[in-house]
Amino acid sequence: MSLLKNVTDADFQSEVVAKQGLTLVDFWAPWCGPCRALGPTLEQIANENSDINIVKVNIDANQDVAVTYGVTQIPYMALFKDGKVVDSLLGNQPKSKITQMLSAHA
């Protein structure tokens, strides 16, 4: 079972912006090879960090959120802390780089 929740335009506010603490948002699309390759890494991070909310937003199906946050390339990860973007990464990054970003804002 996936620990990564799929979030939509309709529930992005309640699932990300209104949340306290850290939420990592993975903006992706089904046709994007690097996005699919990043999935297992994010699953592993979710398994090891139950205190961090990790969600996925399919930009093809949820364009409003993607436009709101200026997503022009994927995979794009935005780190929210208490509802505000505090950091981001572009591309299929190694686990070490993602966890380093998370630790810097914990």
PDB file of N, CA and C in Angstrom:
ATOM      1  N   MET A   1       0.834  -1.189   0.000  1.00  0.00           N
ATOM      2  CA  MET A   1       0.000   0.000   0.000  1.00  0.00           C
ATOM      3  C   MET A   1       0.880   1.254   0.000  1.00  0.00           C
ATOM      4  N   SER A   2       0.503   2.186  -0.799  1.00  0.00           N
ATOM      5  CA  SER A   2       1.276   3.424  -0.913  1.00  0.00           C
ATOM      6  C   SER A   2       1.037   4.330   0.293  1.00  0.00           C
ATOM      7  N   LEU A   3       2.118   4.910   0.784  1.00  0.00           N
ATOM      8  CA  LEU A   3       2.015   5.900   1.858  1.00  0.00           C
ATOM      9  C   LEU A   3       1.837   7.300   1.289  1.00  0.00           C
ATOM     10  N   LEU A   4       1.929   7.410  -0.028  1.00  0.00           N
ATOM     11  CA  LEU A   4       1.817   8.709  -0.688  1.00  0.00           C
ATOM     12  C   LEU A   4       0.369   8.944  -1.102  1.00  0.00           C
ATOM     13  N   LYS A   5      -0.201  10.023  -0.617  1.00  0.00           N
ATOM     14  CA  LYS A   5      -1.587  10.341  -0.935  1.00  0.00           C
ATOM     15  C   LYS A   5      -1.649  11.180  -2.202  1.00  0.00           C
ATOM     16  N   ASN A   6      -2.597  10.851  -3.064  1.00  0.00           N
ATOM     17  CA  ASN A   6      -2.840  11.666  -4.253  1.00  0.00           C
ATOM     18  C   ASN A   6      -3.756  12.820  -3.865  1.00  0.00           C
ATOM     19  N   VAL A   7      -3.310  14.034  -4.150  1.00  0.00           N
ATOM     20  CA  VAL A   7      -4.055  15.238  -3.794  1.00  0.00           C
ATOM     21  C   VAL A   7      -4.508  15.917  -5.083  1.00  0.00           C
ATOM     22  N   THR A   8      -5.684  16.521  -5.034  1.00  0.00           N
ATOM     23  CA  THR A   8      -6.269  17.162  -6.215  1.00  0.00           C
ATOM     24  C   THR A   8      -6.410  18.670  -5.996  1.00  0.00           C
ATOM     25  N   ASP A   9      -6.817  19.358  -7.063  1.00  0.00           N
ATOM     26  CA  ASP A   9      -7.125  20.784  -6.941  1.00  0.00           C
ATOM     27  C   ASP A   9      -8.140  21.009  -5.819  1.00  0.00           C
ATOM     28  N   ALA A  10      -9.113  20.095  -5.712  1.00  0.00           N
ATOM     29  CA  ALA A  10     -10.207  20.254  -4.751  1.00  0.00           C
ATOM     30  C   ALA A  10      -9.761  20.135  -3.297  1.00  0.00           C
ATOM     31  N   ASP A  11      -8.795  19.267  -3.006  1.00  0.00           N
ATOM     32  CA  ASP A  11      -8.411  19.073  -1.600  1.00  0.00           C
ATOM     33  C   ASP A  11      -6.996  19.557  -1.269  1.00  0.00           C
ATOM     34  N   PHE A  12      -6.335  20.244  -2.187  1.00  0.00           N
ATOM     35  CA  PHE A  12      -4.978  20.738  -1.934  1.00  0.00           C
ATOM     36  C   PHE A  12      -4.947  21.678  -0.725  1.00  0.00           C
ATOM     37  N   GLN A  13      -5.928  22.544  -0.629  1.00  0.00           N
ATOM     38  CA  GLN A  13      -5.988  23.496   0.489  1.00  0.00           C
ATOM     39  C   GLN A  13      -6.008  22.751   1.829  1.00  0.00           C
ATOM     40  N   SER A  14      -6.891  21.780   1.975  1.00  0.00           N
ATOM     41  CA  SER A  14      -7.021  21.076   3.259  1.00  0.00           C
ATOM     42  C   SER A  14      -5.885  20.092   3.507  1.00  0.00           C
ATOM     43  N   GLU A  15      -5.351  19.481   2.458  1.00  0.00           N
ATOM     44  CA  GLU A  15      -4.320  18.453   2.620  1.00  0.00           C
ATOM     45  C   GLU A  15      -2.899  19.006   2.682  1.00  0.00           C
ATOM     46  N   VAL A  16      -2.700  20.233   2.205  1.00  0.00           N
ATOM     47  CA  VAL A  16      -1.344  20.794   2.164  1.00  0.00           C
ATOM     48  C   VAL A  16      -1.283  22.157   2.859  1.00  0.00           C
ATOM     49  N   VAL A  17      -2.025  23.120   2.352  1.00  0.00           N
ATOM     50  CA  VAL A  17      -1.913  24.495   2.838  1.00  0.00           C
ATOM     51  C   VAL A  17      -2.366  24.626   4.294  1.00  0.00           C
ATOM     52  N   ALA A  18      -3.407  23.906   4.677  1.00  0.00           N
ATOM     53  CA  ALA A  18      -3.933  24.013   6.044  1.00  0.00           C
ATOM     54  C   ALA A  18      -3.193  23.128   7.045  1.00  0.00           C
ATOM     55  N   LYS A  19      -2.267  22.301   6.590  1.00  0.00           N
ATOM     56  CA  LYS A  19      -1.544  21.373   7.477  1.00  0.00           C
ATOM     57  C   LYS A  19      -0.420  22.079   8.219  1.00  0.00           C
ATOM     58  N   GLN A  20      -0.251  21.698   9.466  1.00  0.00           N
ATOM     59  CA  GLN A  20       0.892  22.148  10.257  1.00  0.00           C
ATOM     60  C   GLN A  20       2.033  21.162  10.046  1.00  0.00           C
ATOM     61  N   GLY A  21       3.250  21.618  10.225  1.00  0.00           N
ATOM     62  CA  GLY A  21       4.405  20.747  10.044  1.00  0.00           C
ATOM     63  C   GLY A  21       4.840  20.714   8.593  1.00  0.00           C
ATOM     64  N   LEU A  22       5.599  19.662   8.250  1.00  0.00           N
ATOM     65  CA  LEU A  22       6.168  19.543   6.903  1.00  0.00           C
ATOM     66  C   LEU A  22       5.290  18.702   5.989  1.00  0.00           C
ATOM     67  N   THR A  23       5.094  19.194   4.776  1.00  0.00           N
ATOM     68  CA  THR A  23       4.426  18.442   3.716  1.00  0.00           C
ATOM     69  C   THR A  23       5.270  18.578   2.454  1.00  0.00           C
ATOM     70  N   LEU A  24       5.678  17.441   1.915  1.00  0.00           N
ATOM     71  CA  LEU A  24       6.420  17.419   0.653  1.00  0.00           C
ATOM     72  C   LEU A  24       5.439  17.092  -0.464  1.00  0.00           C
ATOM     73  N   VAL A  25       5.348  17.985  -1.441  1.00  0.00           N
ATOM     74  CA  VAL A  25       4.434  17.796  -2.569  1.00  0.00           C
ATOM     75  C   VAL A  25       5.247  17.425  -3.801  1.00  0.00           C
ATOM     76  N   ASP A  26       4.920  16.272  -4.377  1.00  0.00           N
ATOM     77  CA  ASP A  26       5.559  15.799  -5.605  1.00  0.00           C
ATOM     78  C   ASP A  26       4.627  16.104  -6.772  1.00  0.00           C
ATOM     79  N   PHE A  27       4.999  17.076  -7.591  1.00  0.00           N
ATOM     80  CA  PHE A  27       4.244  17.385  -8.804  1.00  0.00           C
ATOM     81  C   PHE A  27       4.768  16.474  -9.907  1.00  0.00           C
ATOM     82  N   TRP A  28       3.886  15.707 -10.545  1.00  0.00           N
ATOM     83  CA  TRP A  28       4.294  14.680 -11.489  1.00  0.00           C
ATOM     84  C   TRP A  28       3.229  14.513 -12.579  1.00  0.00           C
ATOM     85  N   ALA A  29       3.519  13.638 -13.540  1.00  0.00           N
ATOM     86  CA  ALA A  29       2.556  13.244 -14.572  1.00  0.00           C
ATOM     87  C   ALA A  29       2.840  11.792 -14.951  1.00  0.00           C
ATOM     88  N   PRO A  30       1.811  11.046 -15.339  1.00  0.00           N
ATOM     89  CA  PRO A  30       1.988   9.623 -15.655  1.00  0.00           C
ATOM     90  C   PRO A  30       2.939   9.363 -16.825  1.00  0.00           C
ATOM     91  N   TRP A  31       3.042  10.290 -17.759  1.00  0.00           N
ATOM     92  CA  TRP A  31       3.890  10.103 -18.943  1.00  0.00           C
ATOM     93  C   TRP A  31       5.352  10.444 -18.678  1.00  0.00           C
ATOM     94  N   CYS A  32       5.671  10.948 -17.502  1.00  0.00           N
ATOM     95  CA  CYS A  32       7.020  11.429 -17.169  1.00  0.00           C
ATOM     96  C   CYS A  32       7.852  10.303 -16.549  1.00  0.00           C
ATOM     97  N   GLY A  33       8.831   9.811 -17.303  1.00  0.00           N
ATOM     98  CA  GLY A  33       9.697   8.731 -16.821  1.00  0.00           C
ATOM     99  C   GLY A  33      10.438   9.063 -15.537  1.00  0.00           C
ATOM    100  N   PRO A  34      11.110  10.220 -15.456  1.00  0.00           N
ATOM    101  CA  PRO A  34      11.792  10.578 -14.210  1.00  0.00           C
ATOM    102  C   PRO A  34      10.835  10.685 -13.013  1.00  0.00           C
ATOM    103  N   CYS A  35       9.589  11.092 -13.274  1.00  0.00           N
ATOM    104  CA  CYS A  35       8.591  11.170 -12.200  1.00  0.00           C
ATOM    105  C   CYS A  35       8.296   9.772 -11.656  1.00  0.00           C
ATOM    106  N   ARG A  36       8.110   8.818 -12.559  1.00  0.00           N
ATOM    107  CA  ARG A  36       7.844   7.438 -12.139  1.00  0.00           C
ATOM    108  C   ARG A  36       9.041   6.857 -11.408  1.00  0.00           C
ATOM    109  N   ALA A  37      10.253   7.208 -11.839  1.00  0.00           N
ATOM    110  CA  ALA A  37      11.466   6.708 -11.185  1.00  0.00           C
ATOM    111  C   ALA A  37      11.612   7.271  -9.773  1.00  0.00           C
ATOM    112  N   LEU A  38      11.100   8.464  -9.535  1.00  0.00           N
ATOM    113  CA  LEU A  38      11.191   9.102  -8.223  1.00  0.00           C
ATOM    114  C   LEU A  38      10.243   8.467  -7.207  1.00  0.00           C
ATOM    115  N   GLY A  39       9.170   7.870  -7.679  1.00  0.00           N
ATOM    116  CA  GLY A  39       8.144   7.300  -6.800  1.00  0.00           C
ATOM    117  C   GLY A  39       8.668   6.387  -5.699  1.00  0.00           C
ATOM    118  N   PRO A  40       9.469   5.357  -6.033  1.00  0.00           N
ATOM    119  CA  PRO A  40       9.978   4.460  -4.985  1.00  0.00           C
ATOM    120  C   PRO A  40      10.843   5.174  -3.944  1.00  0.00           C
ATOM    121  N   THR A  41      11.587   6.173  -4.362  1.00  0.00           N
ATOM    122  CA  THR A  41      12.406   6.944  -3.414  1.00  0.00           C
ATOM    123  C   THR A  41      11.510   7.673  -2.421  1.00  0.00           C
ATOM    124  N   LEU A  42      10.439   8.280  -2.911  1.00  0.00           N
ATOM    125  CA  LEU A  42       9.522   8.995  -2.024  1.00  0.00           C
ATOM    126  C   LEU A  42       8.788   8.030  -1.097  1.00  0.00           C
ATOM    127  N   GLU A  43       8.440   6.841  -1.608  1.00  0.00           N
ATOM    128  CA  GLU A  43       7.816   5.808  -0.761  1.00  0.00           C
ATOM    129  C   GLU A  43       8.753   5.439   0.384  1.00  0.00           C
ATOM    130  N   GLN A  44      10.025   5.263   0.069  1.00  0.00           N
ATOM    131  CA  GLN A  44      11.015   4.901   1.078  1.00  0.00           C
ATOM    132  C   GLN A  44      11.147   6.010   2.127  1.00  0.00           C
ATOM    133  N   ILE A  45      11.201   7.241   1.685  1.00  0.00           N
ATOM    134  CA  ILE A  45      11.290   8.376   2.614  1.00  0.00           C
ATOM    135  C   ILE A  45      10.037   8.435   3.495  1.00  0.00           C
ATOM    136  N   ALA A  46       8.872   8.191   2.907  1.00  0.00           N
ATOM    137  CA  ALA A  46       7.623   8.189   3.680  1.00  0.00           C
ATOM    138  C   ALA A  46       7.642   7.088   4.737  1.00  0.00           C
ATOM    139  N   ASN A  47       8.173   5.916   4.374  1.00  0.00           N
ATOM    140  CA  ASN A  47       8.283   4.802   5.322  1.00  0.00           C
ATOM    141  C   ASN A  47       9.156   5.160   6.507  1.00  0.00           C
ATOM    142  N   GLU A  48      10.199   5.915   6.271  1.00  0.00           N
ATOM    143  CA  GLU A  48      11.194   6.233   7.302  1.00  0.00           C
ATOM    144  C   GLU A  48      10.878   7.514   8.073  1.00  0.00           C
ATOM    145  N   ASN A  49       9.912   8.294   7.610  1.00  0.00           N
ATOM    146  CA  ASN A  49       9.609   9.599   8.221  1.00  0.00           C
ATOM    147  C   ASN A  49       8.101   9.786   8.366  1.00  0.00           C
ATOM    148  N   SER A  50       7.510   9.095   9.311  1.00  0.00           N
ATOM    149  CA  SER A  50       6.057   9.152   9.464  1.00  0.00           C
ATOM    150  C   SER A  50       5.556  10.528   9.909  1.00  0.00           C
ATOM    151  N   ASP A  51       6.461  11.385  10.379  1.00  0.00           N
ATOM    152  CA  ASP A  51       6.059  12.719  10.817  1.00  0.00           C
ATOM    153  C   ASP A  51       5.972  13.721   9.663  1.00  0.00           C
ATOM    154  N   ILE A  52       6.375  13.299   8.468  1.00  0.00           N
ATOM    155  CA  ILE A  52       6.324  14.178   7.297  1.00  0.00           C
ATOM    156  C   ILE A  52       5.222  13.694   6.360  1.00  0.00           C
ATOM    157  N   ASN A  53       4.347  14.599   5.989  1.00  0.00           N
ATOM    158  CA  ASN A  53       3.265  14.308   5.063  1.00  0.00           C
ATOM    159  C   ASN A  53       3.826  14.407   3.636  1.00  0.00           C
ATOM    160  N   ILE A  54       3.728  13.330   2.861  1.00  0.00           N
ATOM    161  CA  ILE A  54       4.201  13.361   1.473  1.00  0.00           C
ATOM    162  C   ILE A  54       3.016  13.068   0.561  1.00  0.00           C
ATOM    163  N   VAL A  55       2.758  13.987  -0.363  1.00  0.00           N
ATOM    164  CA  VAL A  55       1.620  13.844  -1.267  1.00  0.00           C
ATOM    165  C   VAL A  55       2.067  14.017  -2.713  1.00  0.00           C
ATOM    166  N   LYS A  56       1.229  13.525  -3.628  1.00  0.00           N
ATOM    167  CA  LYS A  56       1.506  13.618  -5.058  1.00  0.00           C
ATOM    168  C   LYS A  56       0.385  14.408  -5.728  1.00  0.00           C
ATOM    169  N   VAL A  57       0.767  15.252  -6.686  1.00  0.00           N
ATOM    170  CA  VAL A  57      -0.209  16.001  -7.474  1.00  0.00           C
ATOM    171  C   VAL A  57       0.068  15.726  -8.948  1.00  0.00           C
ATOM    172  N   ASN A  58      -0.887  15.064  -9.614  1.00  0.00           N
ATOM    173  CA  ASN A  58      -0.799  14.807 -11.047  1.00  0.00           C
ATOM    174  C   ASN A  58      -1.141  16.119 -11.764  1.00  0.00           C
ATOM    175  N   ILE A  59      -0.140  16.734 -12.392  1.00  0.00           N
ATOM    176  CA  ILE A  59      -0.363  18.060 -12.982  1.00  0.00           C
ATOM    177  C   ILE A  59      -1.275  18.021 -14.208  1.00  0.00           C
ATOM    178  N   ASP A  60      -1.390  16.860 -14.853  1.00  0.00           N
ATOM    179  CA  ASP A  60      -2.303  16.754 -15.994  1.00  0.00           C
ATOM    180  C   ASP A  60      -3.751  16.883 -15.538  1.00  0.00           C
ATOM    181  N   ALA A  61      -4.062  16.298 -14.395  1.00  0.00           N
ATOM    182  CA  ALA A  61      -5.430  16.295 -13.887  1.00  0.00           C
ATOM    183  C   ALA A  61      -5.714  17.456 -12.939  1.00  0.00           C
ATOM    184  N   ASN A  62      -4.672  18.128 -12.470  1.00  0.00           N
ATOM    185  CA  ASN A  62      -4.834  19.185 -11.464  1.00  0.00           C
ATOM    186  C   ASN A  62      -4.009  20.411 -11.844  1.00  0.00           C
ATOM    187  N   GLN A  63      -4.401  21.031 -12.933  1.00  0.00           N
ATOM    188  CA  GLN A  63      -3.620  22.139 -13.479  1.00  0.00           C
ATOM    189  C   GLN A  63      -3.699  23.409 -12.644  1.00  0.00           C
ATOM    190  N   ASP A  64      -4.784  23.605 -11.909  1.00  0.00           N
ATOM    191  CA  ASP A  64      -4.915  24.833 -11.112  1.00  0.00           C
ATOM    192  C   ASP A  64      -3.798  24.941 -10.078  1.00  0.00           C
ATOM    193  N   VAL A  65      -3.548  23.853  -9.355  1.00  0.00           N
ATOM    194  CA  VAL A  65      -2.494  23.858  -8.332  1.00  0.00           C
ATOM    195  C   VAL A  65      -1.134  24.064  -8.988  1.00  0.00           C
ATOM    196  N   ALA A  66      -0.903  23.384 -10.103  1.00  0.00           N
ATOM    197  CA  ALA A  66       0.380  23.512 -10.801  1.00  0.00           C
ATOM    198  C   ALA A  66       0.622  24.957 -11.240  1.00  0.00           C
ATOM    199  N   VAL A  67      -0.401  25.609 -11.768  1.00  0.00           N
ATOM    200  CA  VAL A  67      -0.269  26.999 -12.206  1.00  0.00           C
ATOM    201  C   VAL A  67      -0.056  27.916 -10.999  1.00  0.00           C
ATOM    202  N   THR A  68      -0.806  27.688  -9.937  1.00  0.00           N
ATOM    203  CA  THR A  68      -0.690  28.511  -8.727  1.00  0.00           C
ATOM    204  C   THR A  68       0.736  28.513  -8.184  1.00  0.00           C
ATOM    205  N   TYR A  69       1.396  27.361  -8.237  1.00  0.00           N
ATOM    206  CA  TYR A  69       2.749  27.249  -7.683  1.00  0.00           C
ATOM    207  C   TYR A  69       3.845  27.321  -8.747  1.00  0.00           C
ATOM    208  N   GLY A  70       3.482  27.728  -9.958  1.00  0.00           N
ATOM    209  CA  GLY A  70       4.470  27.987 -10.998  1.00  0.00           C
ATOM    210  C   GLY A  70       5.230  26.765 -11.472  1.00  0.00           C
ATOM    211  N   VAL A  71       4.572  25.606 -11.456  1.00  0.00           N
ATOM    212  CA  VAL A  71       5.235  24.376 -11.883  1.00  0.00           C
ATOM    213  C   VAL A  71       5.297  24.351 -13.408  1.00  0.00           C
ATOM    214  N   THR A  72       6.512  24.430 -13.957  1.00  0.00           N
ATOM    215  CA  THR A  72       6.694  24.410 -15.407  1.00  0.00           C
ATOM    216  C   THR A  72       7.496  23.205 -15.864  1.00  0.00           C
ATOM    217  N   GLN A  73       8.181  22.540 -14.933  1.00  0.00           N
ATOM    218  CA  GLN A  73       8.942  21.330 -15.243  1.00  0.00           C
ATOM    219  C   GLN A  73       8.676  20.307 -14.154  1.00  0.00           C
ATOM    220  N   ILE A  74       8.745  19.036 -14.527  1.00  0.00           N
ATOM    221  CA  ILE A  74       8.543  17.962 -13.558  1.00  0.00           C
ATOM    222  C   ILE A  74       9.616  16.895 -13.746  1.00  0.00           C
ATOM    223  N   PRO A  75       9.877  16.089 -12.731  1.00  0.00           N
ATOM    224  CA  PRO A  75       9.296  16.161 -11.399  1.00  0.00           C
ATOM    225  C   PRO A  75       9.772  17.402 -10.647  1.00  0.00           C
ATOM    226  N   TYR A  76       8.842  17.956  -9.890  1.00  0.00           N
ATOM    227  CA  TYR A  76       9.126  19.138  -9.078  1.00  0.00           C
ATOM    228  C   TYR A  76       8.583  18.867  -7.684  1.00  0.00           C
ATOM    229  N   MET A  77       9.431  19.012  -6.686  1.00  0.00           N
ATOM    230  CA  MET A  77       9.011  18.799  -5.302  1.00  0.00           C
ATOM    231  C   MET A  77       9.034  20.129  -4.569  1.00  0.00           C
ATOM    232  N   ALA A  78       7.918  20.458  -3.949  1.00  0.00           N
ATOM    233  CA  ALA A  78       7.820  21.677  -3.141  1.00  0.00           C
ATOM    234  C   ALA A  78       7.634  21.261  -1.691  1.00  0.00           C
ATOM    235  N   LEU A  79       8.451  21.813  -0.813  1.00  0.00           N
ATOM    236  CA  LEU A  79       8.342  21.525   0.610  1.00  0.00           C
ATOM    237  C   LEU A  79       7.579  22.660   1.283  1.00  0.00           C
ATOM    238  N   PHE A  80       6.468  22.297   1.897  1.00  0.00           N
ATOM    239  CA  PHE A  80       5.646  23.248   2.635  1.00  0.00           C
ATOM    240  C   PHE A  80       5.902  23.058   4.126  1.00  0.00           C
ATOM    241  N   LYS A  81       5.999  24.159   4.838  1.00  0.00           N
ATOM    242  CA  LYS A  81       6.070  24.118   6.300  1.00  0.00           C
ATOM    243  C   LYS A  81       4.976  25.034   6.816  1.00  0.00           C
ATOM    244  N   ASP A  82       4.061  24.445   7.573  1.00  0.00           N
ATOM    245  CA  ASP A  82       2.914  25.193   8.102  1.00  0.00           C
ATOM    246  C   ASP A  82       2.180  25.945   6.994  1.00  0.00           C
ATOM    247  N   GLY A  83       2.026  25.284   5.843  1.00  0.00           N
ATOM    248  CA  GLY A  83       1.229  25.826   4.752  1.00  0.00           C
ATOM    249  C   GLY A  83       1.926  26.753   3.781  1.00  0.00           C
ATOM    250  N   LYS A  84       3.218  27.006   3.988  1.00  0.00           N
ATOM    251  CA  LYS A  84       3.968  27.908   3.098  1.00  0.00           C
ATOM    252  C   LYS A  84       5.142  27.167   2.467  1.00  0.00           C
ATOM    253  N   VAL A  85       5.419  27.455   1.195  1.00  0.00           N
ATOM    254  CA  VAL A  85       6.559  26.835   0.517  1.00  0.00           C
ATOM    255  C   VAL A  85       7.850  27.388   1.123  1.00  0.00           C
ATOM    256  N   VAL A  86       8.715  26.468   1.583  1.00  0.00           N
ATOM    257  CA  VAL A  86       9.986  26.885   2.184  1.00  0.00           C
ATOM    258  C   VAL A  86      11.198  26.401   1.390  1.00  0.00           C
ATOM    259  N   ASP A  87      10.988  25.443   0.478  1.00  0.00           N
ATOM    260  CA  ASP A  87      12.102  24.917  -0.312  1.00  0.00           C
ATOM    261  C   ASP A  87      11.538  24.114  -1.474  1.00  0.00           C
ATOM    262  N   SER A  88      12.396  23.795  -2.436  1.00  0.00           N
ATOM    263  CA  SER A  88      11.950  22.989  -3.575  1.00  0.00           C
ATOM    264  C   SER A  88      13.140  22.319  -4.240  1.00  0.00           C
ATOM    265  N   LEU A  89      12.838  21.278  -4.989  1.00  0.00           N
ATOM    266  CA  LEU A  89      13.837  20.561  -5.785  1.00  0.00           C
ATOM    267  C   LEU A  89      13.228  20.246  -7.139  1.00  0.00           C
ATOM    268  N   LEU A  90      14.037  20.315  -8.171  1.00  0.00           N
ATOM    269  CA  LEU A  90      13.594  19.997  -9.526  1.00  0.00           C
ATOM    270  C   LEU A  90      14.335  18.768 -10.011  1.00  0.00           C
ATOM    271  N   GLY A  91      13.611  17.855 -10.635  1.00  0.00           N
ATOM    272  CA  GLY A  91      14.231  16.666 -11.211  1.00  0.00           C
ATOM    273  C   GLY A  91      14.201  15.475 -10.274  1.00  0.00           C
ATOM    274  N   ASN A  92      14.623  14.335 -10.810  1.00  0.00           N
ATOM    275  CA  ASN A  92      14.674  13.095 -10.035  1.00  0.00           C
ATOM    276  C   ASN A  92      15.919  13.135  -9.154  1.00  0.00           C
ATOM    277  N   GLN A  93      15.762  13.598  -7.942  1.00  0.00           N
ATOM    278  CA  GLN A  93      16.877  13.786  -7.019  1.00  0.00           C
ATOM    279  C   GLN A  93      17.141  12.514  -6.212  1.00  0.00           C
ATOM    280  N   PRO A  94      18.389  12.301  -5.793  1.00  0.00           N
ATOM    281  CA  PRO A  94      18.690  11.149  -4.947  1.00  0.00           C
ATOM    282  C   PRO A  94      18.064  11.325  -3.561  1.00  0.00           C
ATOM    283  N   LYS A  95      17.840  10.208  -2.919  1.00  0.00           N
ATOM    284  CA  LYS A  95      17.240  10.206  -1.584  1.00  0.00           C
ATOM    285  C   LYS A  95      18.004  11.126  -0.637  1.00  0.00           C
ATOM    286  N   SER A  96      19.325  11.099  -0.694  1.00  0.00           N
ATOM    287  CA  SER A  96      20.141  11.898   0.229  1.00  0.00           C
ATOM    288  C   SER A  96      19.852  13.394   0.093  1.00  0.00           C
ATOM    289  N   LYS A  97      19.646  13.852  -1.117  1.00  0.00           N
ATOM    290  CA  LYS A  97      19.382  15.282  -1.340  1.00  0.00           C
ATOM    291  C   LYS A  97      17.991  15.664  -0.819  1.00  0.00           C
ATOM    292  N   ILE A  98      17.027  14.776  -1.010  1.00  0.00           N
ATOM    293  CA  ILE A  98      15.665  15.047  -0.530  1.00  0.00           C
ATOM    294  C   ILE A  98      15.640  15.055   0.997  1.00  0.00           C
ATOM    295  N   THR A  99      16.283  14.062   1.623  1.00  0.00           N
ATOM    296  CA  THR A  99      16.289  14.006   3.088  1.00  0.00           C
ATOM    297  C   THR A  99      17.073  15.175   3.685  1.00  0.00           C
ATOM    298  N   GLN A 100      18.096  15.628   2.988  1.00  0.00           N
ATOM    299  CA  GLN A 100      18.854  16.798   3.447  1.00  0.00           C
ATOM    300  C   GLN A 100      17.944  18.034   3.467  1.00  0.00           C
ATOM    301  N   MET A 101      17.137  18.194   2.425  1.00  0.00           N
ATOM    302  CA  MET A 101      16.202  19.315   2.376  1.00  0.00           C
ATOM    303  C   MET A 101      15.186  19.208   3.511  1.00  0.00           C
ATOM    304  N   LEU A 102      14.655  18.013   3.731  1.00  0.00           N
ATOM    305  CA  LEU A 102      13.675  17.820   4.802  1.00  0.00           C
ATOM    306  C   LEU A 102      14.283  18.135   6.166  1.00  0.00           C
ATOM    307  N   SER A 103      15.489  17.651   6.406  1.00  0.00           N
ATOM    308  CA  SER A 103      16.165  17.868   7.696  1.00  0.00           C
ATOM    309  C   SER A 103      16.439  19.345   7.952  1.00  0.00           C
ATOM    310  N   ALA A 104      16.743  20.078   6.893  1.00  0.00           N
ATOM    311  CA  ALA A 104      17.055  21.502   7.036  1.00  0.00           C
ATOM    312  C   ALA A 104      15.858  22.313   7.531  1.00  0.00           C
ATOM    313  N   HIS A 105      14.649  21.764   7.360  1.00  0.00           N
ATOM    314  CA  HIS A 105      13.442  22.503   7.736  1.00  0.00           C
ATOM    315  C   HIS A 105      12.654  21.835   8.855  1.00  0.00           C
ATOM    316  N   ALA A 106      13.198  20.767   9.411  1.00  0.00           N
ATOM    317  CA  ALA A 106      12.483  20.026  10.470  1.00  0.00           C
ATOM    318  C   ALA A 106      12.415  20.822  11.758  1.00  0.00           C
TER     319      ALA A 106
END
